[in-house]
Structures are given as structure tokens and as C-alpha cells.
Amino acid sequence: MLRFLAGAVAGALAMWMWGDELRDYLTEQTRHARARTADQIQAVQPQITSALQSGQDAIRPSDEKRRVRPTAH
């Protein structure tokens, strides 16, 4: 319990002393990570679209299969 409290006090002290610098650093680093992630998503978008379309085609019957065919009595 004492270690937990010491860690909480150390974290609070670090944020009080270097909070603005840490916030600026983390904001800059996540900006690059967000840009890389967006680039990666755009790179795989055609494959994702194709996979989703294939899934939809497998679930939904085609127009030919939707037509109700009269049954012979």
C-alpha cells in the first residue's frame, strides 16, 4: 500500500513539474501515430471493401433467387 501511495505522489509531482512538457510531447507523438494509422487504413481499404461486399453477397440472395417460382400442384 505504501508503494502505491508513493507512486501516486511521484506521478502527481511529475505532472505538476513537467505536465505541460509531457502533454506537448504526447500530443506531438500521437499526431504522427494518427497519421500513420490513417495511411495504413487507406492502404487496405480496397481489400476491406471487397471482403465486406463478398460477405454481403453471401448473405443476401441474388435477384434470381428472390423470385418466387410457382410450384406445380
PDB file of N, CA and C in Angstrom:
ATOM      1  N   MET A   1       0.824  -1.188   0.000  1.00  0.00           N
ATOM      2  CA  MET A   1       0.000   0.000   0.000  1.00  0.00           C
ATOM      3  C   MET A   1       0.866   1.250   0.000  1.00  0.00           C
ATOM      4  N   LEU A   2       1.969   1.182   0.720  1.00  0.00           N
ATOM      5  CA  LEU A   2       2.867   2.323   0.802  1.00  0.00           C
ATOM      6  C   LEU A   2       3.492   2.619  -0.565  1.00  0.00           C
ATOM      7  N   ARG A   3       3.831   1.567  -1.304  1.00  0.00           N
ATOM      8  CA  ARG A   3       4.414   1.761  -2.641  1.00  0.00           C
ATOM      9  C   ARG A   3       3.405   2.406  -3.593  1.00  0.00           C
ATOM     10  N   PHE A   4       2.152   1.993  -3.471  1.00  0.00           N
ATOM     11  CA  PHE A   4       1.110   2.585  -4.311  1.00  0.00           C
ATOM     12  C   PHE A   4       0.978   4.074  -4.026  1.00  0.00           C
ATOM     13  N   LEU A   5       0.933   4.439  -2.776  1.00  0.00           N
ATOM     14  CA  LEU A   5       0.833   5.853  -2.405  1.00  0.00           C
ATOM     15  C   LEU A   5       2.070   6.638  -2.843  1.00  0.00           C
ATOM     16  N   ALA A   6       3.252   6.035  -2.695  1.00  0.00           N
ATOM     17  CA  ALA A   6       4.478   6.706  -3.133  1.00  0.00           C
ATOM     18  C   ALA A   6       4.451   6.925  -4.650  1.00  0.00           C
ATOM     19  N   GLY A   7       3.955   5.945  -5.393  1.00  0.00           N
ATOM     20  CA  GLY A   7       3.843   6.087  -6.846  1.00  0.00           C
ATOM     21  C   GLY A   7       2.854   7.162  -7.234  1.00  0.00           C
ATOM     22  N   ALA A   8       1.735   7.230  -6.526  1.00  0.00           N
ATOM     23  CA  ALA A   8       0.726   8.254  -6.806  1.00  0.00           C
ATOM     24  C   ALA A   8       1.283   9.647  -6.533  1.00  0.00           C
ATOM     25  N   VAL A   9       2.013   9.788  -5.424  1.00  0.00           N
ATOM     26  CA  VAL A   9       2.621  11.083  -5.095  1.00  0.00           C
ATOM     27  C   VAL A   9       3.686  11.438  -6.131  1.00  0.00           C
ATOM     28  N   ALA A  10       4.502  10.472  -6.552  1.00  0.00           N
ATOM     29  CA  ALA A  10       5.544  10.734  -7.550  1.00  0.00           C
ATOM     30  C   ALA A  10       4.910  11.129  -8.888  1.00  0.00           C
ATOM     31  N   GLY A  11       3.830  10.456  -9.276  1.00  0.00           N
ATOM     32  CA  GLY A  11       3.138  10.800 -10.522  1.00  0.00           C
ATOM     33  C   GLY A  11       2.531  12.178 -10.478  1.00  0.00           C
ATOM     34  N   ALA A  12       1.925  12.510  -9.348  1.00  0.00           N
ATOM     35  CA  ALA A  12       1.346  13.847  -9.195  1.00  0.00           C
ATOM     36  C   ALA A  12       2.430  14.912  -9.229  1.00  0.00           C
ATOM     37  N   LEU A  13       3.553  14.649  -8.587  1.00  0.00           N
ATOM     38  CA  LEU A  13       4.661  15.596  -8.590  1.00  0.00           C
ATOM     39  C   LEU A  13       5.221  15.780 -10.002  1.00  0.00           C
ATOM     40  N   ALA A  14       5.366  14.678 -10.737  1.00  0.00           N
ATOM     41  CA  ALA A  14       5.874  14.765 -12.108  1.00  0.00           C
ATOM     42  C   ALA A  14       4.921  15.573 -12.989  1.00  0.00           C
ATOM     43  N   MET A  15       3.633  15.353 -12.834  1.00  0.00           N
ATOM     44  CA  MET A  15       2.662  16.115 -13.631  1.00  0.00           C
ATOM     45  C   MET A  15       2.668  17.588 -13.249  1.00  0.00           C
ATOM     46  N   TRP A  16       2.854  17.874 -11.983  1.00  0.00           N
ATOM     47  CA  TRP A  16       2.891  19.260 -11.542  1.00  0.00           C
ATOM     48  C   TRP A  16       4.124  19.972 -12.097  1.00  0.00           C
ATOM     49  N   MET A  17       5.261  19.256 -12.118  1.00  0.00           N
ATOM     50  CA  MET A  17       6.506  19.889 -12.556  1.00  0.00           C
ATOM     51  C   MET A  17       6.636  19.912 -14.084  1.00  0.00           C
ATOM     52  N   TRP A  18       6.305  18.809 -14.728  1.00  0.00           N
ATOM     53  CA  TRP A  18       6.547  18.677 -16.171  1.00  0.00           C
ATOM     54  C   TRP A  18       5.285  18.415 -16.962  1.00  0.00           C
ATOM     55  N   GLY A  19       4.128  18.717 -16.428  1.00  0.00           N
ATOM     56  CA  GLY A  19       2.852  18.391 -17.075  1.00  0.00           C
ATOM     57  C   GLY A  19       2.700  18.989 -18.459  1.00  0.00           C
ATOM     58  N   ASP A  20       3.031  20.268 -18.616  1.00  0.00           N
ATOM     59  CA  ASP A  20       2.886  20.916 -19.929  1.00  0.00           C
ATOM     60  C   ASP A  20       3.827  20.304 -20.954  1.00  0.00           C
ATOM     61  N   GLU A  21       5.070  20.055 -20.540  1.00  0.00           N
ATOM     62  CA  GLU A  21       6.039  19.450 -21.464  1.00  0.00           C
ATOM     63  C   GLU A  21       5.608  18.042 -21.858  1.00  0.00           C
ATOM     64  N   LEU A  22       5.152  17.260 -20.891  1.00  0.00           N
ATOM     65  CA  LEU A  22       4.682  15.904 -21.196  1.00  0.00           C
ATOM     66  C   LEU A  22       3.472  15.929 -22.122  1.00  0.00           C
ATOM     67  N   ARG A  23       2.549  16.823 -21.866  1.00  0.00           N
ATOM     68  CA  ARG A  23       1.340  16.936 -22.692  1.00  0.00           C
ATOM     69  C   ARG A  23       1.708  17.307 -24.133  1.00  0.00           C
ATOM     70  N   ASP A  24       2.617  18.276 -24.290  1.00  0.00           N
ATOM     71  CA  ASP A  24       3.044  18.671 -25.640  1.00  0.00           C
ATOM     72  C   ASP A  24       3.739  17.524 -26.359  1.00  0.00           C
ATOM     73  N   TYR A  25       4.616  16.820 -25.646  1.00  0.00           N
ATOM     74  CA  TYR A  25       5.338  15.692 -26.235  1.00  0.00           C
ATOM     75  C   TYR A  25       4.369  14.600 -26.684  1.00  0.00           C
ATOM     76  N   LEU A  26       3.437  14.241 -25.803  1.00  0.00           N
ATOM     77  CA  LEU A  26       2.484  13.182 -26.150  1.00  0.00           C
ATOM     78  C   LEU A  26       1.562  13.595 -27.284  1.00  0.00           C
ATOM     79  N   THR A  27       1.170  14.858 -27.322  1.00  0.00           N
ATOM     80  CA  THR A  27       0.322  15.340 -28.416  1.00  0.00           C
ATOM     81  C   THR A  27       1.061  15.222 -29.740  1.00  0.00           C
ATOM     82  N   GLU A  28       2.326  15.596 -29.753  1.00  0.00           N
ATOM     83  CA  GLU A  28       3.121  15.518 -30.990  1.00  0.00           C
ATOM     84  C   GLU A  28       3.307  14.068 -31.436  1.00  0.00           C
ATOM     85  N   GLN A  29       3.591  13.178 -30.479  1.00  0.00           N
ATOM     86  CA  GLN A  29       3.800  11.774 -30.818  1.00  0.00           C
ATOM     87  C   GLN A  29       2.521  11.117 -31.330  1.00  0.00           C
ATOM     88  N   THR A  30       1.399  11.427 -30.728  1.00  0.00           N
ATOM     89  CA  THR A  30       0.163  10.797 -31.188  1.00  0.00           C
ATOM     90  C   THR A  30      -0.280  11.358 -32.535  1.00  0.00           C
ATOM     91  N   ARG A  31       0.114  12.585 -32.847  1.00  0.00           N
ATOM     92  CA  ARG A  31      -0.215  13.145 -34.163  1.00  0.00           C
ATOM     93  C   ARG A  31       0.429  12.296 -35.257  1.00  0.00           C
ATOM     94  N   HIS A  32       1.684  11.908 -35.057  1.00  0.00           N
ATOM     95  CA  HIS A  32       2.369  11.054 -36.039  1.00  0.00           C
ATOM     96  C   HIS A  32       1.731   9.663 -36.094  1.00  0.00           C
ATOM     97  N   ALA A  33       1.369   9.141 -34.949  1.00  0.00           N
ATOM     98  CA  ALA A  33       0.746   7.817 -34.916  1.00  0.00           C
ATOM     99  C   ALA A  33      -0.604   7.844 -35.619  1.00  0.00           C
ATOM    100  N   ARG A  34      -1.381   8.900 -35.419  1.00  0.00           N
ATOM    101  CA  ARG A  34      -2.688   9.005 -36.093  1.00  0.00           C
ATOM    102  C   ARG A  34      -2.498   9.103 -37.606  1.00  0.00           C
ATOM    103  N   ALA A  35      -1.499   9.848 -38.048  1.00  0.00           N
ATOM    104  CA  ALA A  35      -1.250   9.972 -39.493  1.00  0.00           C
ATOM    105  C   ALA A  35      -0.839   8.627 -40.084  1.00  0.00           C
ATOM    106  N   ARG A  36       0.031   7.892 -39.389  1.00  0.00           N
ATOM    107  CA  ARG A  36       0.447   6.570 -39.885  1.00  0.00           C
ATOM    108  C   ARG A  36      -0.733   5.605 -39.937  1.00  0.00           C
ATOM    109  N   THR A  37      -1.567   5.648 -38.919  1.00  0.00           N
ATOM    110  CA  THR A  37      -2.735   4.768 -38.885  1.00  0.00           C
ATOM    111  C   THR A  37      -3.693   5.081 -40.027  1.00  0.00           C
ATOM    112  N   ALA A  38      -3.922   6.362 -40.286  1.00  0.00           N
ATOM    113  CA  ALA A  38      -4.804   6.751 -41.395  1.00  0.00           C
ATOM    114  C   ALA A  38      -4.234   6.277 -42.721  1.00  0.00           C
ATOM    115  N   ASP A  39      -2.921   6.379 -42.903  1.00  0.00           N
ATOM    116  CA  ASP A  39      -2.295   5.904 -44.135  1.00  0.00           C
ATOM    117  C   ASP A  39      -2.467   4.393 -44.294  1.00  0.00           C
ATOM    118  N   GLN A  40      -2.304   3.663 -43.206  1.00  0.00           N
ATOM    119  CA  GLN A  40      -2.444   2.209 -43.268  1.00  0.00           C
ATOM    120  C   GLN A  40      -3.883   1.807 -43.578  1.00  0.00           C
ATOM    121  N   ILE A  41      -4.833   2.499 -43.005  1.00  0.00           N
ATOM    122  CA  ILE A  41      -6.244   2.190 -43.271  1.00  0.00           C
ATOM    123  C   ILE A  41      -6.575   2.461 -44.727  1.00  0.00           C
ATOM    124  N   GLN A  42      -6.072   3.556 -45.268  1.00  0.00           N
ATOM    125  CA  GLN A  42      -6.320   3.861 -46.678  1.00  0.00           C
ATOM    126  C   GLN A  42      -5.670   2.822 -47.587  1.00  0.00           C
ATOM    127  N   ALA A  43      -4.536   2.277 -47.159  1.00  0.00           N
ATOM    128  CA  ALA A  43      -3.847   1.284 -47.979  1.00  0.00           C
ATOM    129  C   ALA A  43      -4.629  -0.022 -48.062  1.00  0.00           C
ATOM    130  N   VAL A  44      -5.322  -0.402 -47.003  1.00  0.00           N
ATOM    131  CA  VAL A  44      -6.056  -1.675 -47.008  1.00  0.00           C
ATOM    132  C   VAL A  44      -7.541  -1.494 -47.318  1.00  0.00           C
ATOM    133  N   GLN A  45      -7.969  -0.292 -47.580  1.00  0.00           N
ATOM    134  CA  GLN A  45      -9.385  -0.034 -47.836  1.00  0.00           C
ATOM    135  C   GLN A  45      -9.947  -0.875 -48.989  1.00  0.00           C
ATOM    136  N   PRO A  46      -9.248  -1.018 -50.123  1.00  0.00           N
ATOM    137  CA  PRO A  46      -9.830  -1.848 -51.192  1.00  0.00           C
ATOM    138  C   PRO A  46     -10.070  -3.305 -50.763  1.00  0.00           C
ATOM    139  N   GLN A  47      -9.143  -3.877 -49.996  1.00  0.00           N
ATOM    140  CA  GLN A  47      -9.322  -5.252 -49.539  1.00  0.00           C
ATOM    141  C   GLN A  47     -10.495  -5.343 -48.560  1.00  0.00           C
ATOM    142  N   ILE A  48     -10.619  -4.367 -47.681  1.00  0.00           N
ATOM    143  CA  ILE A  48     -11.720  -4.377 -46.715  1.00  0.00           C
ATOM    144  C   ILE A  48     -13.052  -4.247 -47.440  1.00  0.00           C
ATOM    145  N   THR A  49     -13.110  -3.344 -48.410  1.00  0.00           N
ATOM    146  CA  THR A  49     -14.349  -3.154 -49.164  1.00  0.00           C
ATOM    147  C   THR A  49     -14.731  -4.429 -49.907  1.00  0.00           C
ATOM    148  N   SER A  50     -13.752  -5.071 -50.509  1.00  0.00           N
ATOM    149  CA  SER A  50     -14.008  -6.308 -51.235  1.00  0.00           C
ATOM    150  C   SER A  50     -14.498  -7.411 -50.294  1.00  0.00           C
ATOM    151  N   ALA A  51     -13.878  -7.521 -49.137  1.00  0.00           N
ATOM    152  CA  ALA A  51     -14.290  -8.551 -48.177  1.00  0.00           C
ATOM    153  C   ALA A  51     -15.701  -8.288 -47.672  1.00  0.00           C
ATOM    154  N   LEU A  52     -16.016  -7.039 -47.395  1.00  0.00           N
ATOM    155  CA  LEU A  52     -17.369  -6.716 -46.938  1.00  0.00           C
ATOM    156  C   LEU A  52     -18.406  -6.989 -48.023  1.00  0.00           C
ATOM    157  N   GLN A  53     -18.074  -6.660 -49.258  1.00  0.00           N
ATOM    158  CA  GLN A  53     -19.001  -6.911 -50.356  1.00  0.00           C
ATOM    159  C   GLN A  53     -19.219  -8.408 -50.549  1.00  0.00           C
ATOM    160  N   SER A  54     -18.148  -9.192 -50.439  1.00  0.00           N
ATOM    161  CA  SER A  54     -18.288 -10.646 -50.564  1.00  0.00           C
ATOM    162  C   SER A  54     -19.179 -11.200 -49.468  1.00  0.00           C
ATOM    163  N   GLY A  55     -19.018 -10.680 -48.254  1.00  0.00           N
ATOM    164  CA  GLY A  55     -19.862 -11.122 -47.143  1.00  0.00           C
ATOM    165  C   GLY A  55     -21.319 -10.781 -47.372  1.00  0.00           C
ATOM    166  N   GLN A  56     -21.563  -9.574 -47.864  1.00  0.00           N
ATOM    167  CA  GLN A  56     -22.942  -9.172 -48.135  1.00  0.00           C
ATOM    168  C   GLN A  56     -23.544 -10.026 -49.239  1.00  0.00           C
ATOM    169  N   ASP A  57     -22.769 -10.298 -50.271  1.00  0.00           N
ATOM    170  CA  ASP A  57     -23.272 -11.135 -51.365  1.00  0.00           C
ATOM    171  C   ASP A  57     -23.597 -12.543 -50.881  1.00  0.00           C
ATOM    172  N   ALA A  58     -22.815 -13.044 -49.942  1.00  0.00           N
ATOM    173  CA  ALA A  58     -23.057 -14.392 -49.434  1.00  0.00           C
ATOM    174  C   ALA A  58     -24.318 -14.436 -48.569  1.00  0.00           C
ATOM    175  N   ILE A  59     -24.623 -13.347 -47.895  1.00  0.00           N
ATOM    176  CA  ILE A  59     -25.783 -13.311 -47.005  1.00  0.00           C
ATOM    177  C   ILE A  59     -27.070 -13.031 -47.764  1.00  0.00           C
ATOM    178  N   ARG A  60     -27.016 -12.061 -48.658  1.00  0.00           N
ATOM    179  CA  ARG A  60     -28.217 -11.661 -49.393  1.00  0.00           C
ATOM    180  C   ARG A  60     -28.388 -12.527 -50.634  1.00  0.00           C
ATOM    181  N   PRO A  61     -29.582 -13.023 -50.857  1.00  0.00           N
ATOM    182  CA  PRO A  61     -29.810 -13.805 -52.083  1.00  0.00           C
ATOM    183  C   PRO A  61     -29.820 -12.871 -53.293  1.00  0.00           C
ATOM    184  N   SER A  62     -29.404 -13.411 -54.419  1.00  0.00           N
ATOM    185  CA  SER A  62     -29.414 -12.605 -55.643  1.00  0.00           C
ATOM    186  C   SER A  62     -30.848 -12.399 -56.111  1.00  0.00           C
ATOM    187  N   ASP A  63     -31.051 -11.524 -57.082  1.00  0.00           N
ATOM    188  CA  ASP A  63     -32.390 -11.245 -57.600  1.00  0.00           C
ATOM    189  C   ASP A  63     -33.031 -12.511 -58.182  1.00  0.00           C
ATOM    190  N   GLU A  64     -32.223 -13.346 -58.816  1.00  0.00           N
ATOM    191  CA  GLU A  64     -32.772 -14.561 -59.408  1.00  0.00           C
ATOM    192  C   GLU A  64     -33.303 -15.508 -58.326  1.00  0.00           C
ATOM    193  N   LYS A  65     -32.627 -15.575 -57.219  1.00  0.00           N
ATOM    194  CA  LYS A  65     -33.054 -16.472 -56.151  1.00  0.00           C
ATOM    195  C   LYS A  65     -34.224 -15.906 -55.371  1.00  0.00           C
ATOM    196  N   ARG A  66     -34.428 -14.608 -55.441  1.00  0.00           N
ATOM    197  CA  ARG A  66     -35.530 -13.972 -54.720  1.00  0.00           C
ATOM    198  C   ARG A  66     -36.872 -14.232 -55.381  1.00  0.00           C
ATOM    199  N   ARG A  67     -36.877 -14.425 -56.675  1.00  0.00           N
ATOM    200  CA  ARG A  67     -38.132 -14.622 -57.391  1.00  0.00           C
ATOM    201  C   ARG A  67     -38.830 -15.869 -56.873  1.00  0.00           C
ATOM    202  N   VAL A  68     -40.080 -15.736 -56.615  1.00  0.00           N
ATOM    203  CA  VAL A  68     -40.859 -16.877 -56.144  1.00  0.00           C
ATOM    204  C   VAL A  68     -41.295 -17.662 -57.367  1.00  0.00           C
ATOM    205  N   ARG A  69     -40.935 -18.896 -57.376  1.00  0.00           N
ATOM    206  CA  ARG A  69     -41.298 -19.738 -58.527  1.00  0.00           C
ATOM    207  C   ARG A  69     -42.553 -20.521 -58.149  1.00  0.00           C
ATOM    208  N   PRO A  70     -43.509 -20.496 -59.059  1.00  0.00           N
ATOM    209  CA  PRO A  70     -44.743 -21.237 -58.753  1.00  0.00           C
ATOM    210  C   PRO A  70     -44.449 -22.731 -58.638  1.00  0.00           C
ATOM    211  N   THR A  71     -45.078 -23.325 -57.715  1.00  0.00           N
ATOM    212  CA  THR A  71     -44.892 -24.773 -57.529  1.00  0.00           C
ATOM    213  C   THR A  71     -45.976 -25.506 -58.298  1.00  0.00           C
ATOM    214  N   ALA A  72     -45.633 -26.643 -58.840  1.00  0.00           N
ATOM    215  CA  ALA A  72     -46.596 -27.459 -59.593  1.00  0.00           C
ATOM    216  C   ALA A  72     -47.441 -28.258 -58.608  1.00  0.00           C
ATOM    217  N   HIS A  73     -48.767 -28.241 -58.809  1.00  0.00           N
ATOM    218  CA  HIS A  73     -49.667 -28.983 -57.923  1.00  0.00           C
ATOM    219  C   HIS A  73     -50.147 -30.212 -58.594  1.00  0.00           C
TER     220      HIS A  73
END
